[in-house]
Amino acid sequence: MQTRGTRYRIQAVAEMTGVPAPTLRAWERRYGVPSPERTASSYRLYSETDIRIIRKLRELCDNGMSPAEAAKIVQRVAAPEPAPSGALDPYEATRDAILSAVKRFRTEELERAMQRAMLLGSGHTIYTNVLGPVMKSIGDLWHAGELSVAQEHMTTELLGRTARDILRLLQPTPPEGQAVLACFADEQHAFPLFGVAFQTTQWRINPVILGACTPPAAIRHAVEELHPIFVGLSATVEIQPHRARELIEAYADACGDTRWIIGGAAVEPLRELVERCGGRVGGLSELKSLVTEARRARL
């Protein structure tokens, strides 16, 4: 294992990152990213942080962003060095930094922590290891009375903005189809939709997020206009039986022949009714099966 202070020559970095040495020199010359140290003989020496920045630059470029725009994104981030052996892993450290900033109502610190999170891997990795767990912790703290409504709203807004920025970079080009993602009509927590959205991009499906409190009429319109591969609905809060029946029947009618699935913490009591109306209930594994079936049906 490499130590924190290890430095690498440019050819080693090219092999580690898959970015050719001439490209590394061009990025440094044109955009100032990365900015490696120099020896007395002017040889470049790259740190672990430089390598993470290079990998992020490459990821952004591979997803269709211009090098100039990608460089602006990584330049906004003061990327931390990896944690020493025995210390917190980078995901846990970032989660702790976000929660600390929220508890102390430090918006600038929260912004910086969010920006650092963008260097920690793919959109799906960032959501799974940082954004999703943080939102759960924020909800738990709010329910326990340890955070105010203002703090909860501030965090939801900033995390949502970060998730949207990441998702914009991951849009498949060209997509193999579209997916409509929305919350139940009485559901105000739209953030879980991003977890599904990040996954659909890995399947080369472009997610269209309609957001919170989406009525059946909006689903109908989206289905008619977009002809999606599937419709995904989120339900994380308990729904009264009579209201659930009303909504599920209306969503089933709105989806028509389009496959649809419902996920979230409150779905299990809805399973029988959803399946009777032709829908599916479950998480990502069930969604993957649904997508595979939909693709086969289109062949």
Protein backbone atom coordinates (compact mmCIF):
# COMPACT_ATOMS: atom_id res chain seq x y z
CA MET A 1 0.00 0.00 0.00
CA GLN A 2 1.28 3.46 -0.94
CA THR A 3 1.84 5.95 1.84
CA ARG A 4 0.30 9.35 2.00
CA GLY A 5 3.46 11.13 0.91
CA THR A 6 4.17 8.98 -2.15
CA ARG A 7 4.79 10.87 -5.38
CA TYR A 8 4.65 9.42 -8.90
CA ARG A 9 6.38 10.25 -12.19
CA ILE A 10 4.22 11.07 -15.20
CA GLN A 11 4.60 7.71 -16.96
CA ALA A 12 3.46 5.86 -13.84
CA VAL A 13 0.47 8.19 -13.54
CA ALA A 14 -0.41 7.62 -17.21
CA GLU A 15 -0.46 3.85 -16.59
CA MET A 16 -2.47 4.20 -13.37
CA THR A 17 -5.13 6.51 -14.80
CA GLY A 18 -5.27 5.53 -18.47
CA VAL A 19 -4.63 9.15 -19.47
CA PRO A 20 -1.64 9.49 -21.85
CA ALA A 21 1.30 11.60 -20.70
CA PRO A 22 0.84 14.17 -23.54
CA THR A 23 -2.77 14.66 -22.42
CA LEU A 24 -1.67 15.17 -18.81
CA ARG A 25 0.80 17.83 -19.93
CA ALA A 26 -1.87 19.50 -22.09
CA TRP A 27 -4.39 19.60 -19.23
CA GLU A 28 -1.80 21.17 -16.96
CA ARG A 29 -0.73 23.71 -19.58
CA ARG A 30 -4.22 24.71 -20.72
CA TYR A 31 -6.30 24.41 -17.56
CA GLY A 32 -3.84 24.25 -14.66
CA VAL A 33 -5.19 20.85 -13.62
CA PRO A 34 -3.56 18.98 -12.09
CA SER A 35 -0.68 21.00 -10.67
CA PRO A 36 2.06 18.50 -9.77
CA GLU A 37 5.20 19.31 -7.85
CA ARG A 38 8.49 19.63 -9.74
CA THR A 39 11.91 18.27 -8.90
CA ALA A 40 15.06 20.36 -9.22
CA SER A 41 15.38 18.84 -12.70
CA SER A 42 11.79 19.87 -13.56
CA TYR A 43 10.37 16.34 -13.49
CA ARG A 44 6.70 16.26 -12.56
CA LEU A 45 5.78 14.47 -9.32
CA TYR A 46 2.10 13.64 -8.85
CA SER A 47 0.44 13.09 -5.47
CA GLU A 48 -2.45 10.78 -4.63
CA THR A 49 -4.72 13.83 -4.76
CA ASP A 50 -3.47 14.66 -8.26
CA ILE A 51 -4.28 11.12 -9.34
CA ARG A 52 -7.84 11.33 -7.97
CA ILE A 53 -8.32 14.63 -9.80
CA ILE A 54 -7.04 13.13 -13.06
CA ARG A 55 -9.38 10.18 -12.74
CA LYS A 56 -12.31 12.49 -12.09
CA LEU A 57 -11.35 14.64 -15.09
CA ARG A 58 -11.24 11.56 -17.26
CA GLU A 59 -14.61 10.36 -15.96
CA LEU A 60 -16.24 13.71 -16.70
CA CYS A 61 -14.73 13.80 -20.19
CA ASP A 62 -15.78 10.21 -20.88
CA ASN A 63 -19.34 11.25 -20.03
CA GLY A 64 -19.33 13.93 -22.72
CA MET A 65 -18.09 17.01 -20.87
CA SER A 66 -15.43 19.18 -22.47
CA PRO A 67 -12.01 19.18 -20.75
CA ALA A 68 -12.33 22.91 -20.07
CA GLU A 69 -15.67 22.52 -18.28
CA ALA A 70 -14.49 19.43 -16.42
CA ALA A 71 -11.39 21.28 -15.24
CA LYS A 72 -13.53 24.09 -13.82
CA ILE A 73 -15.47 21.56 -11.75
CA VAL A 74 -12.43 19.88 -10.21
CA GLN A 75 -10.71 23.23 -9.63
CA ARG A 76 -13.56 24.23 -7.32
CA VAL A 77 -12.74 21.33 -5.07
CA ALA A 78 -9.95 21.33 -2.52
CA ALA A 79 -9.54 17.56 -2.58
CA PRO A 80 -8.31 16.12 0.71
CA GLU A 81 -5.41 13.69 0.90
CA PRO A 82 -6.44 10.09 1.65
CA ALA A 83 -6.94 9.34 5.32
CA PRO A 84 -3.94 7.77 7.07
CA SER A 85 -4.06 4.05 7.83
CA GLY A 86 -6.51 3.34 10.64
CA ALA A 87 -8.46 6.57 10.11
CA LEU A 88 -11.91 7.02 8.60
CA ASP A 89 -12.43 5.93 5.02
CA PRO A 90 -13.05 8.81 2.58
CA TYR A 91 -16.80 8.13 2.37
CA GLU A 92 -17.25 8.14 6.12
CA ALA A 93 -15.04 11.21 6.47
CA THR A 94 -17.14 13.05 3.89
CA ARG A 95 -20.40 12.00 5.54
CA ASP A 96 -19.09 13.21 8.90
CA ALA A 97 -17.98 16.53 7.38
CA ILE A 98 -21.43 17.08 5.86
CA LEU A 99 -23.28 16.24 9.07
CA SER A 100 -20.93 18.41 11.14
CA ALA A 101 -21.56 21.38 8.83
CA VAL A 102 -25.32 20.81 8.99
CA LYS A 103 -25.43 20.59 12.78
CA ARG A 104 -23.46 23.85 13.07
CA PHE A 105 -25.44 25.50 10.22
CA ARG A 106 -22.24 26.25 8.27
CA THR A 107 -23.41 26.60 4.68
CA GLU A 108 -19.96 27.27 3.18
CA GLU A 109 -18.49 24.19 4.86
CA LEU A 110 -21.44 22.16 3.64
CA GLU A 111 -20.89 23.37 0.06
CA ARG A 112 -17.20 22.42 0.22
CA ALA A 113 -17.98 18.97 1.60
CA MET A 114 -20.51 18.41 -1.18
CA GLN A 115 -17.97 19.41 -3.80
CA ARG A 116 -15.40 17.03 -2.33
CA ALA A 117 -17.94 14.24 -2.50
CA MET A 118 -18.00 14.62 -6.29
CA LEU A 119 -14.42 13.32 -6.47
CA LEU A 120 -15.13 10.08 -4.67
CA GLY A 121 -16.24 7.96 -7.61
CA SER A 122 -19.11 7.42 -10.01
CA GLY A 123 -22.52 9.00 -9.45
CA HIS A 124 -23.93 5.70 -8.23
CA THR A 125 -20.99 5.25 -5.81
CA ILE A 126 -21.35 8.78 -4.45
CA TYR A 127 -25.09 8.36 -3.93
CA THR A 128 -24.75 4.93 -2.31
CA ASN A 129 -21.85 5.80 0.01
CA VAL A 130 -22.42 9.49 0.77
CA LEU A 131 -25.61 11.23 -0.35
CA GLY A 132 -28.13 8.48 0.43
CA PRO A 133 -26.76 7.67 3.91
CA VAL A 134 -26.49 11.37 4.75
CA MET A 135 -30.13 11.98 3.85
CA LYS A 136 -31.18 9.08 6.08
CA SER A 137 -29.09 10.48 8.95
CA ILE A 138 -30.59 13.93 8.42
CA GLY A 139 -34.09 12.46 8.56
CA ASP A 140 -33.29 10.55 11.74
CA LEU A 141 -31.81 13.65 13.39
CA TRP A 142 -34.81 15.75 12.38
CA HIS A 143 -37.29 13.20 13.76
CA ALA A 144 -35.27 13.09 16.99
CA GLY A 145 -35.56 16.87 17.30
CA GLU A 146 -31.81 17.42 16.91
CA LEU A 147 -32.14 19.45 13.69
CA SER A 148 -34.48 22.29 12.83
CA VAL A 149 -36.71 22.41 9.78
CA ALA A 150 -34.38 25.06 8.35
CA GLN A 151 -31.35 22.78 8.66
CA GLU A 152 -33.21 19.87 7.10
CA HIS A 153 -34.39 22.00 4.18
CA MET A 154 -30.91 23.48 3.65
CA THR A 155 -29.36 20.04 3.44
CA THR A 156 -32.05 18.61 1.19
CA GLU A 157 -31.62 21.51 -1.23
CA LEU A 158 -27.83 21.27 -1.39
CA LEU A 159 -27.76 17.48 -1.67
CA GLY A 160 -30.42 17.62 -4.35
CA ARG A 161 -28.39 20.19 -6.27
CA THR A 162 -25.28 18.02 -6.05
CA ALA A 163 -27.22 14.95 -7.18
CA ARG A 164 -28.66 16.84 -10.15
CA ASP A 165 -25.21 18.08 -11.15
CA ILE A 166 -23.80 14.55 -11.05
CA LEU A 167 -26.78 13.13 -12.91
CA ARG A 168 -26.41 15.71 -15.67
CA LEU A 169 -22.88 14.45 -16.29
CA LEU A 170 -24.00 10.83 -16.50
CA GLN A 171 -26.72 11.12 -19.14
CA PRO A 172 -26.08 8.31 -21.65
CA THR A 173 -25.35 9.48 -25.20
CA PRO A 174 -27.27 8.24 -27.04
CA PRO A 175 -29.71 6.66 -24.56
CA GLU A 176 -31.38 3.34 -25.31
CA GLY A 177 -34.63 4.65 -23.89
CA GLN A 178 -36.15 6.75 -21.14
CA ALA A 179 -37.57 6.10 -17.69
CA VAL A 180 -40.10 8.25 -15.82
CA LEU A 181 -39.40 8.52 -12.09
CA ALA A 182 -41.81 10.16 -9.67
CA CYS A 183 -43.18 10.15 -6.13
CA PHE A 184 -46.69 9.20 -5.08
CA ALA A 185 -49.12 12.10 -5.10
CA ASP A 186 -48.87 12.49 -1.29
CA GLU A 187 -45.10 11.84 -1.15
CA GLN A 188 -42.85 14.86 -0.59
CA HIS A 189 -39.47 13.09 -0.32
CA ALA A 190 -38.08 13.06 -3.85
CA PHE A 191 -34.42 12.46 -3.01
CA PRO A 192 -34.61 8.62 -3.23
CA LEU A 193 -35.46 9.00 -6.91
CA PHE A 194 -31.85 9.99 -7.57
CA GLY A 195 -30.59 6.60 -6.42
CA VAL A 196 -32.76 4.94 -9.07
CA ALA A 197 -31.79 7.57 -11.62
CA PHE A 198 -28.06 6.92 -11.16
CA GLN A 199 -28.67 3.22 -11.66
CA THR A 200 -30.70 3.69 -14.84
CA THR A 201 -27.89 5.69 -16.43
CA GLN A 202 -25.64 2.64 -16.01
CA TRP A 203 -28.19 0.72 -18.09
CA ARG A 204 -28.01 3.50 -20.75
CA ILE A 205 -31.52 4.66 -19.87
CA ASN A 206 -32.13 8.38 -19.54
CA PRO A 207 -34.09 9.14 -16.32
CA VAL A 208 -36.76 11.84 -16.37
CA ILE A 209 -37.47 12.87 -12.77
CA LEU A 210 -40.92 14.39 -12.20
CA GLY A 211 -40.26 14.85 -8.48
CA ALA A 212 -42.45 14.96 -5.39
CA CYS A 213 -46.25 14.77 -5.20
CA THR A 214 -46.79 13.58 -8.78
CA PRO A 215 -50.48 12.97 -9.58
CA PRO A 216 -51.61 10.18 -11.94
CA ALA A 217 -52.55 12.74 -14.60
CA ALA A 218 -48.91 13.88 -14.80
CA ILE A 219 -47.77 10.27 -15.19
CA ARG A 220 -50.27 9.78 -18.01
CA HIS A 221 -49.00 12.86 -19.84
CA ALA A 222 -45.36 11.79 -19.44
CA VAL A 223 -46.10 8.28 -20.70
CA GLU A 224 -47.95 9.59 -23.74
CA GLU A 225 -45.18 12.03 -24.65
CA LEU A 226 -42.03 10.09 -23.74
CA HIS A 227 -42.98 6.43 -24.33
CA PRO A 228 -40.67 5.34 -21.47
CA ILE A 229 -39.27 1.85 -20.95
CA PHE A 230 -40.76 1.93 -17.47
CA VAL A 231 -42.35 4.17 -14.84
CA GLY A 232 -40.86 4.09 -11.33
CA LEU A 233 -42.85 5.39 -8.36
CA SER A 234 -41.50 6.05 -4.86
CA ALA A 235 -43.48 5.60 -1.64
CA THR A 236 -41.58 6.14 1.62
CA VAL A 237 -44.40 7.21 3.96
CA GLU A 238 -47.42 5.16 5.00
CA ILE A 239 -50.53 5.57 2.85
CA GLN A 240 -54.04 4.97 4.16
CA PRO A 241 -55.68 1.93 2.49
CA HIS A 242 -58.48 3.84 0.79
CA ARG A 243 -56.06 6.44 -0.55
CA ALA A 244 -53.62 3.78 -1.66
CA ARG A 245 -56.29 1.95 -3.63
CA GLU A 246 -57.41 5.16 -5.30
CA LEU A 247 -53.88 6.13 -6.32
CA ILE A 248 -52.64 2.73 -7.43
CA GLU A 249 -55.64 2.13 -9.66
CA ALA A 250 -55.18 5.60 -11.15
CA TYR A 251 -51.43 5.07 -11.71
CA ALA A 252 -52.07 1.69 -13.34
CA ASP A 253 -54.55 3.32 -15.72
CA ALA A 254 -52.11 6.17 -16.43
CA CYS A 255 -49.26 3.78 -17.29
CA GLY A 256 -51.41 1.73 -19.65
CA ASP A 257 -49.19 -0.85 -21.39
CA THR A 258 -45.98 0.65 -19.99
CA ARG A 259 -44.32 -1.41 -17.28
CA TRP A 260 -44.36 0.21 -13.86
CA ILE A 261 -42.80 -0.50 -10.49
CA ILE A 262 -43.16 0.92 -6.98
CA GLY A 263 -40.30 1.04 -4.47
CA GLY A 264 -39.56 2.60 -1.11
CA ALA A 265 -39.97 2.02 2.60
CA ALA A 266 -43.79 2.01 2.51
CA VAL A 267 -44.38 -0.38 -0.39
CA GLU A 268 -44.83 -3.77 1.29
CA PRO A 269 -48.44 -3.16 2.44
CA LEU A 270 -49.20 -2.12 -1.16
CA ARG A 271 -47.79 -5.24 -2.82
CA GLU A 272 -51.00 -7.21 -3.29
CA LEU A 273 -52.91 -4.26 -4.72
CA VAL A 274 -50.04 -3.19 -7.00
CA GLU A 275 -49.56 -6.69 -8.41
CA ARG A 276 -53.31 -7.10 -8.90
CA CYS A 277 -53.24 -3.90 -10.96
CA GLY A 278 -50.35 -5.15 -13.12
CA GLY A 279 -47.45 -3.39 -11.42
CA ARG A 280 -44.31 -4.60 -9.68
CA VAL A 281 -42.96 -4.00 -6.19
CA GLY A 282 -39.30 -4.10 -5.18
CA GLY A 283 -35.83 -2.60 -5.27
CA LEU A 284 -33.02 -2.51 -7.81
CA SER A 285 -32.91 -6.25 -8.45
CA GLU A 286 -36.61 -6.31 -9.31
CA LEU A 287 -36.16 -3.17 -11.40
CA LYS A 288 -33.31 -4.78 -13.34
CA SER A 289 -35.53 -7.76 -14.16
CA LEU A 290 -38.27 -5.40 -15.31
CA VAL A 291 -35.86 -3.50 -17.58
CA THR A 292 -34.54 -6.73 -19.08
CA GLU A 293 -38.08 -7.88 -19.85
CA ALA A 294 -38.99 -4.51 -21.36
CA ARG A 295 -35.93 -4.55 -23.63
CA ARG A 296 -36.68 -8.07 -24.83
CA ALA A 297 -40.25 -7.09 -25.58
CA ARG A 298 -39.02 -4.22 -27.77
CA LEU A 299 -36.82 -6.48 -29.92
